[in-house]
N, C-alpha and C. Protein backbone atom coordinates (compact mmCIF):
# COMPACT_ATOMS: atom_id res chain seq x y z
N MET A 1 261.00 112.07 86.40
CA MET A 1 259.70 111.61 86.41
C MET A 1 259.36 110.56 87.59
N ALA A 2 258.30 110.68 88.17
CA ALA A 2 258.10 109.78 89.19
C ALA A 2 257.89 108.33 88.74
N LYS A 3 258.25 107.35 89.60
CA LYS A 3 258.14 105.94 89.30
C LYS A 3 256.71 105.56 88.96
N GLY A 4 256.49 104.96 87.80
CA GLY A 4 255.23 104.45 87.32
C GLY A 4 254.49 105.59 86.73
N GLY A 5 255.00 106.83 86.43
CA GLY A 5 254.49 107.82 85.63
C GLY A 5 254.32 107.43 84.12
N VAL A 6 253.48 108.17 83.46
CA VAL A 6 253.20 107.97 82.08
C VAL A 6 253.55 109.34 81.35
N SER A 7 254.46 109.21 80.29
CA SER A 7 254.82 110.42 79.52
C SER A 7 253.67 110.95 78.67
N ARG A 8 253.71 112.18 78.47
CA ARG A 8 252.73 112.76 77.59
C ARG A 8 252.70 112.24 76.17
N LYS A 9 254.01 111.75 75.76
CA LYS A 9 254.14 111.02 74.55
C LYS A 9 253.38 109.71 74.51
N GLN A 10 253.46 109.08 75.54
CA GLN A 10 252.76 107.82 75.65
C GLN A 10 251.21 107.98 75.66
N LEU A 11 250.97 109.13 76.43
CA LEU A 11 249.36 109.41 76.28
C LEU A 11 248.93 109.70 74.96
N LEU A 12 249.68 110.38 74.22
CA LEU A 12 249.33 110.76 72.90
C LEU A 12 249.31 109.66 71.96
N ASN A 13 250.18 108.73 72.08
CA ASN A 13 250.26 107.59 71.31
C ASN A 13 249.20 106.48 71.55
N GLU A 14 248.57 106.56 72.86
CA GLU A 14 247.46 105.73 73.13
C GLU A 14 246.24 106.12 72.43
N PRO A 15 245.33 105.21 71.83
CA PRO A 15 244.08 105.75 71.29
C PRO A 15 243.03 106.25 72.18
N ASP A 16 242.38 107.28 71.98
CA ASP A 16 241.37 107.77 72.84
C ASP A 16 240.30 106.81 72.78
N LYS A 17 239.86 106.29 74.17
CA LYS A 17 238.84 105.32 74.38
C LYS A 17 237.34 105.75 73.78
N PHE A 18 237.07 107.10 73.90
CA PHE A 18 235.92 107.58 73.42
C PHE A 18 235.70 107.50 71.95
N MET A 19 236.94 107.98 71.34
CA MET A 19 237.02 108.10 69.86
C MET A 19 237.03 106.72 69.28
N THR A 20 237.58 105.81 69.94
CA THR A 20 237.65 104.35 69.46
C THR A 20 236.22 103.82 69.53
N PHE A 21 235.47 104.01 70.55
CA PHE A 21 234.03 103.58 70.80
C PHE A 21 233.16 104.22 69.64
N THR A 22 233.34 105.47 69.56
CA THR A 22 232.55 106.33 68.44
C THR A 22 232.93 105.67 67.05
N GLY A 23 234.15 105.49 66.69
CA GLY A 23 234.43 104.91 65.45
C GLY A 23 233.79 103.53 65.32
N LYS A 24 233.76 102.77 66.42
CA LYS A 24 233.12 101.35 66.19
C LYS A 24 231.59 101.61 65.99
N LEU A 25 231.01 102.61 66.73
CA LEU A 25 229.59 102.72 66.65
C LEU A 25 229.23 103.22 65.31
N ILE A 26 230.04 104.13 64.60
CA ILE A 26 229.79 104.65 63.28
C ILE A 26 229.81 103.40 62.44
N ALA A 27 230.95 102.58 62.52
CA ALA A 27 231.25 101.46 61.57
C ALA A 27 229.93 100.50 61.75
N TYR A 28 229.45 100.14 62.83
CA TYR A 28 228.33 99.31 63.13
C TYR A 28 227.00 99.87 62.45
N ALA A 29 227.00 101.19 62.54
CA ALA A 29 225.62 101.82 62.08
C ALA A 29 225.84 101.72 60.46
N LYS A 30 226.93 101.75 59.83
CA LYS A 30 227.16 101.75 58.45
C LYS A 30 226.70 100.47 57.92
N SER A 31 227.27 99.44 58.75
CA SER A 31 227.07 97.91 58.14
C SER A 31 225.79 97.40 58.36
N HIS A 32 225.02 98.06 59.45
CA HIS A 32 223.67 97.59 59.83
C HIS A 32 222.64 98.55 59.53
N LEU A 33 222.84 99.59 58.57
CA LEU A 33 222.03 100.55 58.30
C LEU A 33 220.58 100.27 58.02
N LYS A 34 220.38 99.17 57.30
CA LYS A 34 219.13 98.80 56.81
C LYS A 34 218.27 98.20 58.03
N VAL A 35 218.99 97.43 58.91
CA VAL A 35 218.26 97.00 60.10
C VAL A 35 217.92 98.12 60.95
N ILE A 36 218.83 99.12 61.21
CA ILE A 36 218.45 100.42 61.99
C ILE A 36 217.36 101.08 61.53
N LEU A 37 217.30 101.27 60.24
CA LEU A 37 216.21 102.09 59.56
C LEU A 37 214.91 101.25 59.73
N SER A 38 214.94 99.89 59.58
CA SER A 38 213.76 98.99 59.65
C SER A 38 213.28 99.28 61.00
N CYS A 39 214.11 99.18 62.01
CA CYS A 39 213.61 99.19 63.48
C CYS A 39 212.99 100.60 63.74
N ALA A 40 213.53 101.68 63.24
CA ALA A 40 213.02 102.89 63.34
C ALA A 40 211.62 103.18 62.65
N ALA A 41 211.54 102.50 61.33
CA ALA A 41 210.26 102.51 60.81
C ALA A 41 209.17 101.69 61.61
N VAL A 42 209.55 100.66 62.11
CA VAL A 42 208.54 99.85 62.97
C VAL A 42 208.18 100.74 64.22
N ILE A 43 209.06 101.36 64.80
CA ILE A 43 208.72 102.19 66.02
C ILE A 43 207.75 103.42 65.57
N PHE A 44 208.24 104.08 64.43
CA PHE A 44 207.32 105.12 63.93
C PHE A 44 205.91 104.61 63.61
N VAL A 45 205.72 103.53 62.90
CA VAL A 45 204.46 102.98 62.43
C VAL A 45 203.68 102.64 63.81
N SER A 46 204.34 102.10 64.74
CA SER A 46 203.65 101.78 66.08
C SER A 46 203.13 102.84 66.64
N LEU A 47 203.91 104.05 66.76
CA LEU A 47 203.54 105.26 67.31
C LEU A 47 202.13 105.84 66.54
N ILE A 48 202.13 105.73 65.23
CA ILE A 48 201.05 106.23 64.52
C ILE A 48 199.85 105.27 64.87
N ILE A 49 200.06 104.04 64.90
CA ILE A 49 198.96 103.10 65.17
C ILE A 49 198.38 103.43 66.53
N ILE A 50 199.17 103.61 67.60
CA ILE A 50 198.73 104.05 68.83
C ILE A 50 197.94 105.32 68.92
N ALA A 51 198.50 106.35 68.10
CA ALA A 51 197.77 107.58 68.02
C ALA A 51 196.50 107.44 67.30
N THR A 52 196.44 106.71 66.37
CA THR A 52 195.22 106.37 65.48
C THR A 52 194.11 105.77 66.45
N VAL A 53 194.58 104.67 67.11
CA VAL A 53 193.78 103.87 67.91
C VAL A 53 193.01 104.80 68.97
N SER A 54 193.86 105.69 69.66
CA SER A 54 193.38 106.38 70.67
C SER A 54 192.44 107.49 70.11
N GLN A 55 192.78 108.04 68.77
CA GLN A 55 191.82 108.99 68.17
C GLN A 55 190.59 108.33 67.76
N VAL A 56 190.62 107.18 67.23
CA VAL A 56 189.41 106.38 66.92
C VAL A 56 188.56 106.19 68.14
N SER A 57 189.25 105.71 69.37
CA SER A 57 188.67 105.47 70.46
C SER A 57 187.86 106.55 71.14
N ARG A 58 188.41 107.80 71.01
CA ARG A 58 187.72 109.09 71.43
C ARG A 58 186.45 109.30 70.54
N ARG A 59 186.66 109.11 69.28
CA ARG A 59 185.63 109.33 68.31
C ARG A 59 184.47 108.40 68.53
N ASN A 60 184.77 107.20 68.89
CA ASN A 60 183.65 106.14 69.13
C ASN A 60 183.00 106.47 70.43
N GLU A 61 183.72 107.04 71.46
CA GLU A 61 183.13 107.41 72.70
C GLU A 61 182.08 108.52 72.57
N VAL A 62 182.44 109.49 71.62
CA VAL A 62 181.50 110.52 71.34
C VAL A 62 180.22 110.03 70.58
N LYS A 63 180.53 109.09 69.60
CA LYS A 63 179.42 108.50 68.89
C LYS A 63 178.49 107.64 69.78
N ALA A 64 179.11 107.04 70.77
CA ALA A 64 178.35 106.23 71.75
C ALA A 64 177.55 107.19 72.63
N SER A 65 178.04 108.19 73.16
CA SER A 65 177.28 109.14 73.83
C SER A 65 176.10 109.72 73.10
N GLU A 66 176.35 110.18 71.91
CA GLU A 66 175.38 110.62 71.01
C GLU A 66 174.21 109.65 70.78
N ARG A 67 174.68 108.35 70.68
CA ARG A 67 173.48 107.42 70.34
C ARG A 67 172.66 106.99 71.62
N VAL A 68 173.37 107.11 72.83
CA VAL A 68 172.65 106.96 74.26
C VAL A 68 171.71 108.01 74.28
N GLU A 69 172.14 109.27 74.14
CA GLU A 69 171.18 110.60 74.31
C GLU A 69 170.02 110.45 73.44
N LYS A 70 170.17 109.95 72.20
CA LYS A 70 169.08 109.84 71.21
C LYS A 70 168.12 108.70 71.67
N LEU A 71 168.57 107.69 71.94
CA LEU A 71 167.81 106.58 72.63
C LEU A 71 167.05 106.91 73.91
N VAL A 72 167.60 107.60 74.77
CA VAL A 72 166.95 108.07 75.93
C VAL A 72 165.82 108.99 75.52
N ALA A 73 166.06 109.81 74.59
CA ALA A 73 165.25 110.91 74.17
C ALA A 73 163.97 110.14 73.46
N LYS A 74 164.25 109.25 72.66
CA LYS A 74 163.21 108.43 72.01
C LYS A 74 162.22 107.77 73.06
N TYR A 75 162.93 107.09 74.01
CA TYR A 75 162.22 106.43 75.12
C TYR A 75 161.24 107.47 75.84
N SER A 76 161.85 108.55 76.17
CA SER A 76 161.05 109.60 76.98
C SER A 76 159.84 110.06 76.09
N SER A 77 160.04 110.26 74.83
CA SER A 77 159.18 110.80 73.83
C SER A 77 157.99 109.82 73.77
N VAL A 78 158.31 108.57 73.68
CA VAL A 78 157.17 107.51 73.47
C VAL A 78 156.38 107.42 74.95
N LEU A 79 157.07 107.61 76.01
CA LEU A 79 156.61 107.51 77.27
C LEU A 79 155.60 108.55 77.58
N GLN A 80 155.57 109.69 76.86
CA GLN A 80 154.59 110.74 76.99
C GLN A 80 153.16 110.35 76.73
N ASP A 81 153.17 109.49 75.73
CA ASP A 81 151.83 108.93 75.12
C ASP A 81 151.52 107.58 75.45
N GLU A 82 152.54 106.73 75.81
CA GLU A 82 152.25 105.33 75.96
C GLU A 82 152.90 104.85 77.31
N ASP A 83 152.55 103.65 77.66
CA ASP A 83 153.16 103.14 78.96
C ASP A 83 154.56 102.78 78.82
N ALA A 84 155.12 102.41 80.08
CA ALA A 84 156.53 101.95 80.04
C ALA A 84 156.87 100.64 79.20
N LYS A 85 155.94 99.80 79.16
CA LYS A 85 156.11 98.65 78.38
C LYS A 85 156.26 98.95 76.88
N VAL A 86 155.32 99.81 76.33
CA VAL A 86 155.41 100.21 74.96
C VAL A 86 156.64 100.88 74.58
N ALA A 87 157.04 101.86 75.50
CA ALA A 87 158.14 102.60 75.30
C ALA A 87 159.42 101.80 75.22
N TYR A 88 159.50 100.80 76.10
CA TYR A 88 160.57 99.81 76.13
C TYR A 88 160.65 99.06 74.93
N GLU A 89 159.58 98.45 74.41
CA GLU A 89 159.66 97.75 73.12
C GLU A 89 160.06 98.64 72.04
N GLN A 90 159.87 99.87 72.05
CA GLN A 90 160.19 100.82 71.00
C GLN A 90 161.80 100.91 70.94
N VAL A 91 162.54 100.84 71.98
CA VAL A 91 163.94 101.11 71.96
C VAL A 91 164.76 99.74 72.25
N LYS A 92 164.06 98.64 72.45
CA LYS A 92 164.79 97.42 72.78
C LYS A 92 165.79 96.96 71.77
N SER A 93 165.55 96.94 70.53
CA SER A 93 166.46 96.43 69.55
C SER A 93 167.54 97.57 69.39
N ASP A 94 167.22 98.92 69.51
CA ASP A 94 168.22 99.82 69.29
C ASP A 94 169.29 99.78 70.41
N PHE A 95 168.86 99.49 71.63
CA PHE A 95 169.76 99.33 72.76
C PHE A 95 170.60 98.00 72.63
N ASN A 96 170.08 97.03 72.09
CA ASN A 96 170.94 95.83 71.86
C ASN A 96 171.95 96.05 70.86
N ASP A 97 171.67 96.84 69.80
CA ASP A 97 172.63 97.23 68.84
C ASP A 97 173.77 98.02 69.54
N LEU A 98 173.30 98.95 70.25
CA LEU A 98 174.27 99.86 71.03
C LEU A 98 175.30 99.05 71.66
N PHE A 99 174.73 98.10 72.49
CA PHE A 99 175.75 97.21 73.39
C PHE A 99 176.50 96.35 72.48
N ASP A 100 176.10 95.93 71.26
CA ASP A 100 177.00 95.07 70.53
C ASP A 100 178.11 95.91 69.96
N VAL A 101 177.82 97.11 69.45
CA VAL A 101 178.81 97.94 68.90
C VAL A 101 179.74 98.79 69.84
N TYR A 102 179.08 99.25 70.72
CA TYR A 102 179.92 100.08 71.61
C TYR A 102 179.86 99.71 73.10
N GLY A 103 179.80 98.39 73.32
CA GLY A 103 179.76 97.91 74.65
C GLY A 103 180.77 98.28 75.65
N SER A 104 181.94 98.61 75.23
CA SER A 104 183.13 98.86 76.14
C SER A 104 183.11 100.39 76.52
N LYS A 105 182.48 101.12 75.77
CA LYS A 105 182.48 102.65 76.11
C LYS A 105 181.81 103.06 77.38
N ARG A 106 182.29 104.08 77.99
CA ARG A 106 181.85 104.48 79.30
C ARG A 106 180.41 104.86 79.29
N ALA A 107 180.11 105.53 78.18
CA ALA A 107 178.62 105.98 78.04
C ALA A 107 177.65 104.91 78.09
N VAL A 108 178.09 103.94 77.30
CA VAL A 108 177.29 102.60 77.13
C VAL A 108 177.33 101.95 78.53
N LYS A 109 178.21 101.95 79.24
CA LYS A 109 178.22 101.24 80.49
C LYS A 109 177.25 101.86 81.46
N ILE A 110 177.20 103.18 81.37
CA ILE A 110 176.18 103.86 82.13
C ILE A 110 174.81 103.68 81.61
N ALA A 111 174.70 103.55 80.25
CA ALA A 111 173.44 103.17 79.58
C ALA A 111 172.91 101.86 79.99
N ARG A 112 173.73 100.86 80.46
CA ARG A 112 173.23 99.56 80.91
C ARG A 112 172.39 99.81 82.34
N ILE A 113 172.75 100.67 83.09
CA ILE A 113 171.95 100.98 84.22
C ILE A 113 170.72 101.58 83.79
N VAL A 114 170.69 102.51 83.00
CA VAL A 114 169.42 103.22 82.42
C VAL A 114 168.48 102.15 81.71
N TYR A 115 169.10 101.31 80.95
CA TYR A 115 168.35 100.25 80.15
C TYR A 115 167.81 99.20 81.20
N GLY A 116 168.55 99.01 82.20
CA GLY A 116 167.96 98.13 83.39
C GLY A 116 166.80 98.71 83.98
N ASP A 117 166.82 100.04 84.32
CA ASP A 117 165.65 100.69 84.79
C ASP A 117 164.48 100.48 83.77
N MET A 118 164.68 100.84 82.65
CA MET A 118 163.67 100.64 81.52
C MET A 118 163.08 99.35 81.52
N SER A 119 163.96 98.23 81.62
CA SER A 119 163.51 96.98 81.64
C SER A 119 162.69 96.55 82.86
N TYR A 120 163.06 96.99 83.93
CA TYR A 120 162.33 96.81 85.18
C TYR A 120 160.97 97.49 85.01
N SER A 121 160.89 98.65 84.66
CA SER A 121 159.73 99.45 84.70
C SER A 121 158.68 98.80 83.62
N ALA A 122 159.19 98.01 82.66
CA ALA A 122 158.31 97.26 81.65
C ALA A 122 158.03 95.86 82.10
N GLY A 123 158.49 95.48 83.30
CA GLY A 123 158.20 94.27 83.82
C GLY A 123 159.18 93.14 83.49
N ASP A 124 160.14 93.52 82.59
CA ASP A 124 161.22 92.54 82.11
C ASP A 124 162.37 92.31 83.22
N ALA A 125 161.98 91.66 84.26
CA ALA A 125 163.10 91.51 85.39
C ALA A 125 164.28 90.82 85.04
N ASP A 126 164.17 89.75 84.15
CA ASP A 126 165.49 89.15 83.82
C ASP A 126 166.46 90.01 83.00
N THR A 127 165.88 90.66 82.01
CA THR A 127 166.76 91.62 81.35
C THR A 127 167.36 92.82 82.28
N ALA A 128 166.59 93.28 83.21
CA ALA A 128 166.99 94.00 84.24
C ALA A 128 168.07 93.59 85.03
N ILE A 129 168.03 92.39 85.34
CA ILE A 129 169.01 91.70 86.30
C ILE A 129 170.36 91.51 85.43
N ALA A 130 170.18 91.15 84.08
CA ALA A 130 171.38 91.04 83.29
C ALA A 130 172.10 92.34 83.18
N MET A 131 171.31 93.37 82.99
CA MET A 131 171.90 94.79 82.65
C MET A 131 172.64 95.17 84.13
N TYR A 132 171.99 95.03 85.25
CA TYR A 132 172.59 95.47 86.42
C TYR A 132 173.74 94.70 86.81
N SER A 133 173.60 93.30 86.55
CA SER A 133 174.82 92.47 86.89
C SER A 133 176.08 92.82 86.14
N HIS A 134 175.82 93.16 84.77
CA HIS A 134 177.03 93.58 83.96
C HIS A 134 177.57 94.98 84.46
N ALA A 135 176.65 95.85 84.83
CA ALA A 135 176.97 97.27 85.37
C ALA A 135 177.81 97.02 86.58
N LEU A 136 177.37 96.03 87.57
CA LEU A 136 177.92 95.83 88.78
C LEU A 136 179.58 95.66 88.63
N ASP A 137 179.73 94.79 87.41
CA ASP A 137 181.16 94.42 87.17
C ASP A 137 181.96 95.65 86.59
N ASP A 138 181.23 96.56 86.02
CA ASP A 138 181.88 97.75 85.47
C ASP A 138 182.22 98.88 86.41
N PHE A 139 181.36 98.99 87.56
CA PHE A 139 181.59 100.10 88.40
C PHE A 139 181.80 99.59 89.72
N THR A 140 182.75 98.73 90.05
CA THR A 140 183.15 98.08 91.29
C THR A 140 183.84 99.18 92.24
N GLN A 141 184.38 100.30 91.72
CA GLN A 141 185.12 101.29 92.47
C GLN A 141 184.24 102.38 92.96
N SER A 142 183.16 102.56 92.36
CA SER A 142 182.28 103.81 92.77
C SER A 142 181.12 103.23 93.63
N GLN A 143 181.36 103.37 94.89
CA GLN A 143 180.36 102.87 95.87
C GLN A 143 178.95 103.37 95.75
N GLY A 144 178.89 104.86 95.38
CA GLY A 144 177.59 105.42 95.29
C GLY A 144 176.86 104.87 94.10
N LEU A 145 177.48 104.71 92.85
CA LEU A 145 176.94 104.10 91.75
C LEU A 145 176.57 102.62 92.03
N LYS A 146 177.57 101.96 92.74
CA LYS A 146 177.29 100.59 93.09
C LYS A 146 176.04 100.36 93.91
N ASN A 147 175.77 101.28 94.81
CA ASN A 147 174.55 101.20 95.49
C ASN A 147 173.20 101.26 94.69
N ILE A 148 173.36 102.12 93.69
CA ILE A 148 172.25 102.25 92.75
C ILE A 148 172.03 100.93 92.13
N ILE A 149 173.09 100.37 91.58
CA ILE A 149 173.09 99.10 90.88
C ILE A 149 172.47 97.93 91.75
N LEU A 150 173.01 97.97 93.02
CA LEU A 150 172.51 96.91 93.87
C LEU A 150 171.02 97.02 94.32
N SER A 151 170.56 98.39 94.26
CA SER A 151 169.23 98.67 94.60
C SER A 151 168.35 98.07 93.56
N GLY A 152 168.91 98.34 92.14
CA GLY A 152 168.20 97.85 90.99
C GLY A 152 168.03 96.30 91.02
N LEU A 153 169.13 95.63 91.38
CA LEU A 153 169.00 94.21 91.45
C LEU A 153 168.06 93.80 92.62
N GLY A 154 168.07 94.44 93.74
CA GLY A 154 167.11 94.20 94.72
C GLY A 154 165.63 94.29 94.18
N TYR A 155 165.30 95.40 93.63
CA TYR A 155 164.04 95.52 93.08
C TYR A 155 163.67 94.52 92.04
N ALA A 156 164.58 94.24 91.13
CA ALA A 156 164.30 93.20 89.99
C ALA A 156 164.04 91.82 90.69
N TYR A 157 164.81 91.42 91.64
CA TYR A 157 164.51 90.17 92.25
C TYR A 157 163.14 90.15 92.98
N LEU A 158 162.87 91.34 93.48
CA LEU A 158 161.52 91.60 94.34
C LEU A 158 160.56 91.48 93.36
N LEU A 159 160.61 91.95 92.08
CA LEU A 159 159.59 91.87 91.06
C LEU A 159 159.40 90.37 90.63
N LYS A 160 160.32 89.56 90.79
CA LYS A 160 160.30 88.10 90.41
C LYS A 160 159.85 87.17 91.72
N LYS A 161 159.70 87.93 92.88
CA LYS A 161 159.30 87.46 94.13
C LYS A 161 160.27 86.29 94.51
N GLU A 162 161.59 86.64 94.14
CA GLU A 162 162.71 85.85 94.68
C GLU A 162 163.32 86.62 95.88
N TYR A 163 162.49 86.56 96.93
CA TYR A 163 162.89 87.42 98.27
C TYR A 163 164.28 87.20 98.75
N PRO A 164 164.77 85.91 98.96
CA PRO A 164 166.16 85.76 99.47
C PRO A 164 167.17 86.53 98.64
N GLN A 165 167.16 86.50 97.24
CA GLN A 165 168.04 87.29 96.51
C GLN A 165 167.87 88.73 96.64
N SER A 166 166.51 89.16 96.81
CA SER A 166 166.36 90.47 96.95
C SER A 166 166.88 91.08 98.22
N ILE A 167 166.67 90.23 99.32
CA ILE A 167 167.19 90.69 100.53
C ILE A 167 168.70 90.75 100.56
N ARG A 168 169.38 89.78 99.80
CA ARG A 168 170.77 89.77 99.75
C ARG A 168 171.44 91.04 99.17
N TYR A 169 170.73 91.69 98.02
CA TYR A 169 171.26 92.92 97.52
C TYR A 169 170.94 94.15 98.31
N PHE A 170 169.83 94.13 98.95
CA PHE A 170 169.51 95.26 99.81
C PHE A 170 170.53 95.23 101.09
N GLU A 171 170.84 94.14 101.61
CA GLU A 171 171.72 93.94 102.71
C GLU A 171 173.16 94.50 102.47
N MET A 172 173.51 94.15 101.14
CA MET A 172 174.76 94.63 100.65
C MET A 172 174.90 96.35 100.64
N ILE A 173 173.69 96.91 100.54
CA ILE A 173 173.66 98.33 100.58
C ILE A 173 173.81 98.74 102.10
N THR A 174 173.03 98.21 102.96
CA THR A 174 173.13 98.58 104.26
C THR A 174 174.31 98.29 104.83
N ALA A 175 175.18 97.34 104.46
CA ALA A 175 176.43 96.92 105.12
C ALA A 175 177.55 97.88 104.75
N SER A 176 177.40 98.74 103.74
CA SER A 176 178.39 99.73 103.28
C SER A 176 178.32 101.00 104.05
N GLU A 177 179.42 101.68 104.04
CA GLU A 177 179.41 103.03 104.71
C GLU A 177 178.74 104.10 103.91
N GLU A 178 178.66 103.89 102.55
CA GLU A 178 177.89 104.83 101.56
C GLU A 178 176.52 104.93 101.92
N LYS A 179 175.93 106.21 101.99
CA LYS A 179 174.57 106.41 102.46
C LYS A 179 173.45 106.43 101.25
N THR A 180 174.22 106.40 99.92
CA THR A 180 173.24 106.45 98.75
C THR A 180 172.31 105.30 98.80
N LEU A 181 171.03 105.59 98.79
CA LEU A 181 169.87 104.68 98.85
C LEU A 181 169.83 103.90 100.10
N ARG A 182 170.54 104.23 101.12
CA ARG A 182 170.64 103.33 102.39
C ARG A 182 169.25 103.19 103.06
N SER A 183 168.58 104.52 103.21
CA SER A 183 167.27 104.36 103.87
C SER A 183 166.26 103.69 103.10
N ASP A 184 166.43 103.72 101.76
CA ASP A 184 165.41 102.97 100.90
C ASP A 184 165.67 101.50 101.04
N ALA A 185 166.93 101.13 101.15
CA ALA A 185 167.23 99.62 101.29
C ALA A 185 166.75 99.02 102.71
N LEU A 186 166.82 99.93 103.66
CA LEU A 186 166.40 99.58 105.05
C LEU A 186 164.80 99.38 105.02
N PHE A 187 164.26 100.31 104.40
CA PHE A 187 162.72 100.10 104.46
C PHE A 187 162.25 98.91 103.59
N ASN A 188 163.05 98.60 102.50
CA ASN A 188 162.66 97.39 101.82
C ASN A 188 163.06 96.18 102.60
N LEU A 189 164.01 96.20 103.31
CA LEU A 189 164.47 94.95 104.14
C LEU A 189 163.40 94.86 105.19
N ALA A 190 162.99 95.96 105.84
CA ALA A 190 162.02 95.88 106.87
C ALA A 190 160.68 95.21 106.38
N TRP A 191 160.38 95.59 105.11
CA TRP A 191 159.05 95.07 104.52
C TRP A 191 159.30 93.53 104.11
N LEU A 192 160.46 93.17 103.59
CA LEU A 192 160.80 91.74 103.31
C LEU A 192 160.93 90.94 104.45
N TYR A 193 161.48 91.38 105.49
CA TYR A 193 161.55 90.60 106.79
C TYR A 193 160.06 90.24 107.38
N GLU A 194 159.31 91.41 107.25
CA GLU A 194 157.99 91.23 107.73
C GLU A 194 157.17 90.30 106.89
N THR A 195 157.35 90.29 105.64
CA THR A 195 156.74 89.39 104.59
C THR A 195 157.17 87.94 104.80
N ASN A 196 158.39 87.86 105.38
CA ASN A 196 159.00 86.47 105.61
C ASN A 196 158.44 86.07 107.06
N GLY A 197 157.60 86.75 107.81
CA GLY A 197 157.39 86.57 109.08
C GLY A 197 158.43 86.80 110.28
N GLU A 198 159.52 87.55 109.93
CA GLU A 198 160.52 87.90 110.87
C GLU A 198 160.13 89.24 111.44
N LYS A 199 159.23 89.15 112.32
CA LYS A 199 158.67 90.56 112.97
C LYS A 199 159.69 91.33 113.65
N GLU A 200 160.44 90.65 114.35
CA GLU A 200 161.52 91.43 115.30
C GLU A 200 162.58 92.17 114.35
N ARG A 201 163.00 91.30 113.33
CA ARG A 201 164.04 91.93 112.44
C ARG A 201 163.46 93.11 111.67
N SER A 202 162.12 93.02 111.33
CA SER A 202 161.39 94.10 110.59
C SER A 202 161.27 95.31 111.53
N VAL A 203 160.88 95.21 112.81
CA VAL A 203 160.75 96.32 113.57
C VAL A 203 162.16 96.93 113.75
N ALA A 204 163.13 96.20 113.86
CA ALA A 204 164.59 96.62 114.15
C ALA A 204 165.06 97.47 112.82
N GLN A 205 164.56 96.95 111.66
CA GLN A 205 165.00 97.80 110.59
C GLN A 205 164.30 99.23 110.56
N TYR A 206 162.93 99.10 110.81
CA TYR A 206 162.15 100.41 110.80
C TYR A 206 162.85 101.42 111.84
N LYS A 207 163.13 100.92 113.00
CA LYS A 207 163.70 101.76 114.08
C LYS A 207 165.14 102.41 113.53
N GLN A 208 165.80 101.54 112.76
CA GLN A 208 167.18 101.94 112.34
C GLN A 208 167.00 103.11 111.41
N ILE A 209 165.85 103.16 110.62
CA ILE A 209 165.77 104.13 109.60
C ILE A 209 165.37 105.41 110.39
N LEU A 210 164.59 105.41 111.41
CA LEU A 210 164.29 106.57 112.06
C LEU A 210 165.45 107.04 112.80
N ALA A 211 166.36 106.13 113.35
CA ALA A 211 167.64 106.64 114.03
C ALA A 211 168.61 107.24 113.04
N ASP A 212 168.68 106.65 111.91
CA ASP A 212 169.76 107.18 110.98
C ASP A 212 169.26 108.28 110.04
N PHE A 213 167.93 108.22 109.85
CA PHE A 213 167.37 109.34 108.97
C PHE A 213 166.07 109.83 109.47
N PRO A 214 166.25 110.57 110.48
CA PRO A 214 165.01 111.14 111.20
C PRO A 214 164.20 111.97 110.36
N ASP A 215 164.60 112.45 109.28
CA ASP A 215 163.77 113.30 108.41
C ASP A 215 163.32 112.51 107.23
N THR A 216 163.41 111.23 107.26
CA THR A 216 162.97 110.41 106.24
C THR A 216 161.51 110.47 105.79
N SER A 217 161.22 110.45 104.46
CA SER A 217 159.83 110.49 104.04
C SER A 217 158.95 109.40 104.37
N TYR A 218 159.66 108.25 104.83
CA TYR A 218 158.95 107.12 105.47
C TYR A 218 158.48 107.25 106.80
N GLY A 219 158.85 108.47 107.47
CA GLY A 219 158.66 108.62 109.00
C GLY A 219 157.25 108.25 109.48
N GLU A 220 156.21 108.83 108.90
CA GLU A 220 154.87 108.54 109.43
C GLU A 220 154.44 107.22 109.27
N LEU A 221 154.79 106.67 108.12
CA LEU A 221 154.48 105.08 107.70
C LEU A 221 155.13 104.30 108.72
N ILE A 222 156.35 104.61 109.00
CA ILE A 222 157.04 103.65 109.97
C ILE A 222 156.45 103.71 111.39
N LYS A 223 156.09 105.03 111.73
CA LYS A 223 155.59 105.05 113.03
C LYS A 223 154.34 104.33 113.16
N GLU A 224 153.41 104.31 112.21
CA GLU A 224 152.30 103.50 112.08
C GLU A 224 152.53 102.05 112.21
N LYS A 225 153.62 101.55 111.62
CA LYS A 225 153.97 100.14 111.51
C LYS A 225 154.48 99.85 112.84
N ILE A 226 155.25 100.55 113.65
CA ILE A 226 155.81 100.14 114.89
C ILE A 226 155.06 100.71 116.12
N GLY A 227 153.90 101.36 115.74
CA GLY A 227 153.08 101.74 116.80
C GLY A 227 153.58 102.96 117.68
N GLY A 228 153.98 103.89 117.05
CA GLY A 228 154.48 105.17 117.77
C GLY A 228 155.79 105.70 117.25
């Protein structure tokens, strides 16, 4: 046999490492059975809780969506016979309850924008600003939706005659690459600059609208403003 070799007898006499490890593992399991079962129970209960929370969350999302639909339908129904202020008063408390109970649900996040529009139409600029500001935090990743919210803020501050703030939000729309409500924002800026006595900036905005949006519905009005 070669020097340093190990005989088959020696190999057979040596304990198998895997068998030794397995034996120790079994022995540990027996001596710690209660602990192992307790840990398994905790994991199992945790999985049940996660599944239940997920299910409840989905169910609440559906409930929130249904409530939003009903409130919008109620507002629209009242609006057929009454003005925007009366319709707004009819749903105000219901919307506040909705925000308290389901405020984190996606349908309700969208509802804040809708309720902001209702508030603005009723002349309640402060509530509109509060709704739009909250919505702006909710939808920072969607530039199209963000422009809609920024426009709402611009109009709400315009309603309060706080022109610098109104200009700020309309300028945020025109500064982005997203075209949603861009022509509307440019037109409002042109009017605001004109109101502030900034004639040159106003004319520049009007011309920008015609250049970027040649088919704009504001076309004839703008041409009258800038004389051709």
